[in-house]
Amino acid sequence: MGSGQKLEVLALAYKLGNVTEASRLSGVSRNTIYRHRKLTKQGGTESLKRQETLSLHQKLILTEPLK
């Protein structure tokens, strides 16, 4: 789910005034909506963007070679 879709679900919940109903209509769990709402309040819409993490392969390349 992209940050645009997350914002749409949050807008739906706000419009309906009911997270449970927004969850049912959008197919997104209530917990997810509450988590996204909390992230938005704490860090704005930028906080909804996916965070890049290193893959296992990238981590292995960055570690010190075995001796």
PDB file of N, CA and C in Angstrom:
ATOM      1  N   MET A   1       0.863  -1.173   0.000  1.00  0.00           N
ATOM      2  CA  MET A   1       0.000   0.000   0.000  1.00  0.00           C
ATOM      3  C   MET A   1       0.902   1.226   0.000  1.00  0.00           C
ATOM      4  N   GLY A   2       0.673   2.087  -0.960  1.00  0.00           N
ATOM      5  CA  GLY A   2       1.461   3.308  -1.058  1.00  0.00           C
ATOM      6  C   GLY A   2       0.970   4.369  -0.095  1.00  0.00           C
ATOM      7  N   SER A   3       1.769   5.406   0.071  1.00  0.00           N
ATOM      8  CA  SER A   3       1.388   6.460   1.022  1.00  0.00           C
ATOM      9  C   SER A   3       0.117   7.184   0.570  1.00  0.00           C
ATOM     10  N   GLY A   4      -0.137   7.249  -0.737  1.00  0.00           N
ATOM     11  CA  GLY A   4      -1.362   7.865  -1.234  1.00  0.00           C
ATOM     12  C   GLY A   4      -2.598   7.086  -0.807  1.00  0.00           C
ATOM     13  N   GLN A   5      -2.510   5.760  -0.905  1.00  0.00           N
ATOM     14  CA  GLN A   5      -3.622   4.906  -0.482  1.00  0.00           C
ATOM     15  C   GLN A   5      -3.835   5.016   1.025  1.00  0.00           C
ATOM     16  N   LYS A   6      -2.754   5.108   1.756  1.00  0.00           N
ATOM     17  CA  LYS A   6      -2.856   5.243   3.211  1.00  0.00           C
ATOM     18  C   LYS A   6      -3.590   6.530   3.569  1.00  0.00           C
ATOM     19  N   LEU A   7      -3.256   7.602   2.859  1.00  0.00           N
ATOM     20  CA  LEU A   7      -3.919   8.880   3.106  1.00  0.00           C
ATOM     21  C   LEU A   7      -5.398   8.820   2.735  1.00  0.00           C
ATOM     22  N   GLU A   8      -5.718   8.099   1.667  1.00  0.00           N
ATOM     23  CA  GLU A   8      -7.119   7.951   1.267  1.00  0.00           C
ATOM     24  C   GLU A   8      -7.925   7.233   2.344  1.00  0.00           C
ATOM     25  N   VAL A   9      -7.355   6.184   2.917  1.00  0.00           N
ATOM     26  CA  VAL A   9      -8.051   5.443   3.974  1.00  0.00           C
ATOM     27  C   VAL A   9      -8.214   6.323   5.210  1.00  0.00           C
ATOM     28  N   LEU A  10      -7.182   7.095   5.542  1.00  0.00           N
ATOM     29  CA  LEU A  10      -7.282   8.007   6.684  1.00  0.00           C
ATOM     30  C   LEU A  10      -8.348   9.070   6.435  1.00  0.00           C
ATOM     31  N   ALA A  11      -8.419   9.572   5.205  1.00  0.00           N
ATOM     32  CA  ALA A  11      -9.434  10.567   4.857  1.00  0.00           C
ATOM     33  C   ALA A  11     -10.832   9.964   4.952  1.00  0.00           C
ATOM     34  N   LEU A  12     -10.980   8.717   4.525  1.00  0.00           N
ATOM     35  CA  LEU A  12     -12.266   8.038   4.618  1.00  0.00           C
ATOM     36  C   LEU A  12     -12.688   7.882   6.080  1.00  0.00           C
ATOM     37  N   ALA A  13     -11.745   7.484   6.924  1.00  0.00           N
ATOM     38  CA  ALA A  13     -12.049   7.330   8.349  1.00  0.00           C
ATOM     39  C   ALA A  13     -12.463   8.660   8.961  1.00  0.00           C
ATOM     40  N   TYR A  14     -11.789   9.724   8.555  1.00  0.00           N
ATOM     41  CA  TYR A  14     -12.123  11.053   9.069  1.00  0.00           C
ATOM     42  C   TYR A  14     -13.508  11.484   8.582  1.00  0.00           C
ATOM     43  N   LYS A  15     -13.775  11.248   7.290  1.00  0.00           N
ATOM     44  CA  LYS A  15     -15.052  11.636   6.694  1.00  0.00           C
ATOM     45  C   LYS A  15     -16.217  10.896   7.347  1.00  0.00           C
ATOM     46  N   LEU A  16     -16.027   9.588   7.561  1.00  0.00           N
ATOM     47  CA  LEU A  16     -17.083   8.780   8.163  1.00  0.00           C
ATOM     48  C   LEU A  16     -17.193   9.005   9.666  1.00  0.00           C
ATOM     49  N   GLY A  17     -16.070   9.423  10.265  1.00  0.00           N
ATOM     50  CA  GLY A  17     -16.041   9.573  11.718  1.00  0.00           C
ATOM     51  C   GLY A  17     -16.066   8.236  12.429  1.00  0.00           C
ATOM     52  N   ASN A  18     -15.672   7.185  11.696  1.00  0.00           N
ATOM     53  CA  ASN A  18     -15.757   5.844  12.246  1.00  0.00           C
ATOM     54  C   ASN A  18     -14.665   4.979  11.623  1.00  0.00           C
ATOM     55  N   VAL A  19     -13.663   4.625  12.407  1.00  0.00           N
ATOM     56  CA  VAL A  19     -12.542   3.827  11.911  1.00  0.00           C
ATOM     57  C   VAL A  19     -13.004   2.418  11.540  1.00  0.00           C
ATOM     58  N   THR A  20     -13.909   1.849  12.321  1.00  0.00           N
ATOM     59  CA  THR A  20     -14.393   0.499  12.037  1.00  0.00           C
ATOM     60  C   THR A  20     -15.075   0.436  10.672  1.00  0.00           C
ATOM     61  N   GLU A  21     -15.902   1.413  10.373  1.00  0.00           N
ATOM     62  CA  GLU A  21     -16.601   1.449   9.083  1.00  0.00           C
ATOM     63  C   GLU A  21     -15.605   1.666   7.948  1.00  0.00           C
ATOM     64  N   ALA A  22     -14.642   2.552   8.138  1.00  0.00           N
ATOM     65  CA  ALA A  22     -13.614   2.790   7.118  1.00  0.00           C
ATOM     66  C   ALA A  22     -12.797   1.522   6.886  1.00  0.00           C
ATOM     67  N   SER A  23     -12.529   0.787   7.954  1.00  0.00           N
ATOM     68  CA  SER A  23     -11.800  -0.463   7.855  1.00  0.00           C
ATOM     69  C   SER A  23     -12.573  -1.475   7.023  1.00  0.00           C
ATOM     70  N   ARG A  24     -13.835  -1.596   7.295  1.00  0.00           N
ATOM     71  CA  ARG A  24     -14.677  -2.539   6.576  1.00  0.00           C
ATOM     72  C   ARG A  24     -14.775  -2.174   5.095  1.00  0.00           C
ATOM     73  N   LEU A  25     -14.965  -0.905   4.800  1.00  0.00           N
ATOM     74  CA  LEU A  25     -15.118  -0.465   3.415  1.00  0.00           C
ATOM     75  C   LEU A  25     -13.815  -0.539   2.616  1.00  0.00           C
ATOM     76  N   SER A  26     -12.702  -0.275   3.259  1.00  0.00           N
ATOM     77  CA  SER A  26     -11.418  -0.224   2.548  1.00  0.00           C
ATOM     78  C   SER A  26     -10.666  -1.550   2.547  1.00  0.00           C
ATOM     79  N   GLY A  27     -11.034  -2.448   3.457  1.00  0.00           N
ATOM     80  CA  GLY A  27     -10.318  -3.721   3.552  1.00  0.00           C
ATOM     81  C   GLY A  27      -9.004  -3.612   4.308  1.00  0.00           C
ATOM     82  N   VAL A  28      -8.822  -2.523   5.029  1.00  0.00           N
ATOM     83  CA  VAL A  28      -7.611  -2.290   5.821  1.00  0.00           C
ATOM     84  C   VAL A  28      -7.986  -2.480   7.292  1.00  0.00           C
ATOM     85  N   SER A  29      -7.143  -3.167   8.046  1.00  0.00           N
ATOM     86  CA  SER A  29      -7.481  -3.439   9.438  1.00  0.00           C
ATOM     87  C   SER A  29      -7.556  -2.155  10.272  1.00  0.00           C
ATOM     88  N   ARG A  30      -8.360  -2.201  11.311  1.00  0.00           N
ATOM     89  CA  ARG A  30      -8.487  -1.055  12.213  1.00  0.00           C
ATOM     90  C   ARG A  30      -7.140  -0.707  12.821  1.00  0.00           C
ATOM     91  N   ASN A  31      -6.388  -1.729  13.220  1.00  0.00           N
ATOM     92  CA  ASN A  31      -5.070  -1.480  13.826  1.00  0.00           C
ATOM     93  C   ASN A  31      -4.152  -0.734  12.871  1.00  0.00           C
ATOM     94  N   THR A  32      -4.206  -1.086  11.596  1.00  0.00           N
ATOM     95  CA  THR A  32      -3.377  -0.411  10.594  1.00  0.00           C
ATOM     96  C   THR A  32      -3.792   1.049  10.456  1.00  0.00           C
ATOM     97  N   ILE A  33      -5.097   1.302  10.422  1.00  0.00           N
ATOM     98  CA  ILE A  33      -5.574   2.683  10.315  1.00  0.00           C
ATOM     99  C   ILE A  33      -5.133   3.490  11.523  1.00  0.00           C
ATOM    100  N   TYR A  34      -5.271   2.924  12.713  1.00  0.00           N
ATOM    101  CA  TYR A  34      -4.838   3.636  13.921  1.00  0.00           C
ATOM    102  C   TYR A  34      -3.328   3.875  13.909  1.00  0.00           C
ATOM    103  N   ARG A  35      -2.555   2.884  13.429  1.00  0.00           N
ATOM    104  CA  ARG A  35      -1.092   3.033  13.360  1.00  0.00           C
ATOM    105  C   ARG A  35      -0.725   4.143  12.377  1.00  0.00           C
ATOM    106  N   HIS A  36      -1.376   4.172  11.219  1.00  0.00           N
ATOM    107  CA  HIS A  36      -1.099   5.218  10.230  1.00  0.00           C
ATOM    108  C   HIS A  36      -1.515   6.589  10.747  1.00  0.00           C
ATOM    109  N   ARG A  37      -2.611   6.649  11.461  1.00  0.00           N
ATOM    110  CA  ARG A  37      -3.063   7.925  12.030  1.00  0.00           C
ATOM    111  C   ARG A  37      -2.048   8.436  13.056  1.00  0.00           C
ATOM    112  N   LYS A  38      -1.535   7.522  13.871  1.00  0.00           N
ATOM    113  CA  LYS A  38      -0.540   7.902  14.874  1.00  0.00           C
ATOM    114  C   LYS A  38       0.748   8.396  14.202  1.00  0.00           C
ATOM    115  N   LEU A  39       1.200   7.681  13.179  1.00  0.00           N
ATOM    116  CA  LEU A  39       2.408   8.088  12.450  1.00  0.00           C
ATOM    117  C   LEU A  39       2.236   9.468  11.831  1.00  0.00           C
ATOM    118  N   THR A  40       1.054   9.723  11.260  1.00  0.00           N
ATOM    119  CA  THR A  40       0.776  11.014  10.633  1.00  0.00           C
ATOM    120  C   THR A  40       0.790  12.139  11.659  1.00  0.00           C
ATOM    121  N   LYS A  41       0.222  11.884  12.832  1.00  0.00           N
ATOM    122  CA  LYS A  41       0.215  12.903  13.884  1.00  0.00           C
ATOM    123  C   LYS A  41       1.622  13.194  14.379  1.00  0.00           C
ATOM    124  N   GLN A  42       2.459  12.152  14.453  1.00  0.00           N
ATOM    125  CA  GLN A  42       3.817  12.323  14.976  1.00  0.00           C
ATOM    126  C   GLN A  42       4.777  12.934  13.962  1.00  0.00           C
ATOM    127  N   GLY A  43       4.682  12.491  12.696  1.00  0.00           N
ATOM    128  CA  GLY A  43       5.693  12.924  11.735  1.00  0.00           C
ATOM    129  C   GLY A  43       5.160  13.447  10.425  1.00  0.00           C
ATOM    130  N   GLY A  44       3.872  13.686  10.339  1.00  0.00           N
ATOM    131  CA  GLY A  44       3.293  14.170   9.087  1.00  0.00           C
ATOM    132  C   GLY A  44       3.171  13.063   8.053  1.00  0.00           C
ATOM    133  N   THR A  45       2.774  13.447   6.858  1.00  0.00           N
ATOM    134  CA  THR A  45       2.536  12.452   5.816  1.00  0.00           C
ATOM    135  C   THR A  45       3.823  11.766   5.348  1.00  0.00           C
ATOM    136  N   GLU A  46       4.956  12.408   5.535  1.00  0.00           N
ATOM    137  CA  GLU A  46       6.237  11.795   5.148  1.00  0.00           C
ATOM    138  C   GLU A  46       6.507  10.514   5.931  1.00  0.00           C
ATOM    139  N   SER A  47       5.970  10.423   7.135  1.00  0.00           N
ATOM    140  CA  SER A  47       6.209   9.248   7.968  1.00  0.00           C
ATOM    141  C   SER A  47       5.486   8.017   7.443  1.00  0.00           C
ATOM    142  N   LEU A  48       4.551   8.194   6.509  1.00  0.00           N
ATOM    143  CA  LEU A  48       3.832   7.061   5.935  1.00  0.00           C
ATOM    144  C   LEU A  48       4.601   6.397   4.797  1.00  0.00           C
ATOM    145  N   LYS A  49       5.664   7.054   4.325  1.00  0.00           N
ATOM    146  CA  LYS A  49       6.457   6.468   3.251  1.00  0.00           C
ATOM    147  C   LYS A  49       7.234   5.276   3.782  1.00  0.00           C
ATOM    148  N   ARG A  50       7.402   4.302   2.921  1.00  0.00           N
ATOM    149  CA  ARG A  50       8.113   3.086   3.289  1.00  0.00           C
ATOM    150  C   ARG A  50       9.580   3.396   3.578  1.00  0.00           C
ATOM    151  N   GLN A  51      10.092   2.837   4.634  1.00  0.00           N
ATOM    152  CA  GLN A  51      11.495   3.026   4.995  1.00  0.00           C
ATOM    153  C   GLN A  51      12.328   1.954   4.299  1.00  0.00           C
ATOM    154  N   GLU A  52      13.406   2.364   3.658  1.00  0.00           N
ATOM    155  CA  GLU A  52      14.269   1.386   3.007  1.00  0.00           C
ATOM    156  C   GLU A  52      15.147   0.714   4.041  1.00  0.00           C
ATOM    157  N   THR A  53      15.221  -0.602   3.946  1.00  0.00           N
ATOM    158  CA  THR A  53      16.090  -1.366   4.831  1.00  0.00           C
ATOM    159  C   THR A  53      17.075  -2.152   3.978  1.00  0.00           C
ATOM    160  N   LEU A  54      18.206  -2.440   4.541  1.00  0.00           N
ATOM    161  CA  LEU A  54      19.200  -3.213   3.814  1.00  0.00           C
ATOM    162  C   LEU A  54      18.749  -4.657   3.701  1.00  0.00           C
ATOM    163  N   SER A  55      18.938  -5.252   2.536  1.00  0.00           N
ATOM    164  CA  SER A  55      18.631  -6.666   2.368  1.00  0.00           C
ATOM    165  C   SER A  55      19.755  -7.476   3.012  1.00  0.00           C
ATOM    166  N   LEU A  56      19.507  -8.748   3.209  1.00  0.00           N
ATOM    167  CA  LEU A  56      20.527  -9.612   3.802  1.00  0.00           C
ATOM    168  C   LEU A  56      21.788  -9.583   2.959  1.00  0.00           C
ATOM    169  N   HIS A  57      21.645  -9.585   1.631  1.00  0.00           N
ATOM    170  CA  HIS A  57      22.801  -9.543   0.737  1.00  0.00           C
ATOM    171  C   HIS A  57      23.607  -8.258   0.946  1.00  0.00           C
ATOM    172  N   GLN A  58      22.928  -7.127   1.055  1.00  0.00           N
ATOM    173  CA  GLN A  58      23.616  -5.856   1.270  1.00  0.00           C
ATOM    174  C   GLN A  58      24.322  -5.852   2.615  1.00  0.00           C
ATOM    175  N   LYS A  59      23.709  -6.439   3.619  1.00  0.00           N
ATOM    176  CA  LYS A  59      24.335  -6.490   4.939  1.00  0.00           C
ATOM    177  C   LYS A  59      25.599  -7.326   4.906  1.00  0.00           C
ATOM    178  N   LEU A  60      25.556  -8.449   4.180  1.00  0.00           N
ATOM    179  CA  LEU A  60      26.726  -9.306   4.102  1.00  0.00           C
ATOM    180  C   LEU A  60      27.875  -8.612   3.385  1.00  0.00           C
ATOM    181  N   ILE A  61      27.569  -7.823   2.383  1.00  0.00           N
ATOM    182  CA  ILE A  61      28.608  -7.114   1.632  1.00  0.00           C
ATOM    183  C   ILE A  61      29.262  -6.050   2.519  1.00  0.00           C
ATOM    184  N   LEU A  62      28.479  -5.409   3.380  1.00  0.00           N
ATOM    185  CA  LEU A  62      28.995  -4.322   4.200  1.00  0.00           C
ATOM    186  C   LEU A  62      29.745  -4.787   5.436  1.00  0.00           C
ATOM    187  N   THR A  63      29.581  -6.045   5.817  1.00  0.00           N
ATOM    188  CA  THR A  63      30.263  -6.536   7.011  1.00  0.00           C
ATOM    189  C   THR A  63      31.726  -6.790   6.731  1.00  0.00           C
ATOM    190  N   GLU A  64      32.492  -6.847   7.776  1.00  0.00           N
ATOM    191  CA  GLU A  64      33.932  -7.067   7.658  1.00  0.00           C
ATOM    192  C   GLU A  64      34.186  -8.478   7.151  1.00  0.00           C
ATOM    193  N   PRO A  65      35.098  -8.660   6.213  1.00  0.00           N
ATOM    194  CA  PRO A  65      35.382  -9.999   5.688  1.00  0.00           C
ATOM    195  C   PRO A  65      35.903 -10.937   6.785  1.00  0.00           C
ATOM    196  N   LEU A  66      35.588 -12.212   6.631  1.00  0.00           N
ATOM    197  CA  LEU A  66      36.084 -13.218   7.577  1.00  0.00           C
ATOM    198  C   LEU A  66      37.576 -13.395   7.422  1.00  0.00           C
ATOM    199  N   LYS A  67      38.254 -13.652   8.547  1.00  0.00           N
ATOM    200  CA  LYS A  67      39.728 -13.832   8.501  1.00  0.00           C
ATOM    201  C   LYS A  67      40.086 -15.278   8.610  1.00  0.00           C
TER     202      LYS A  67
END
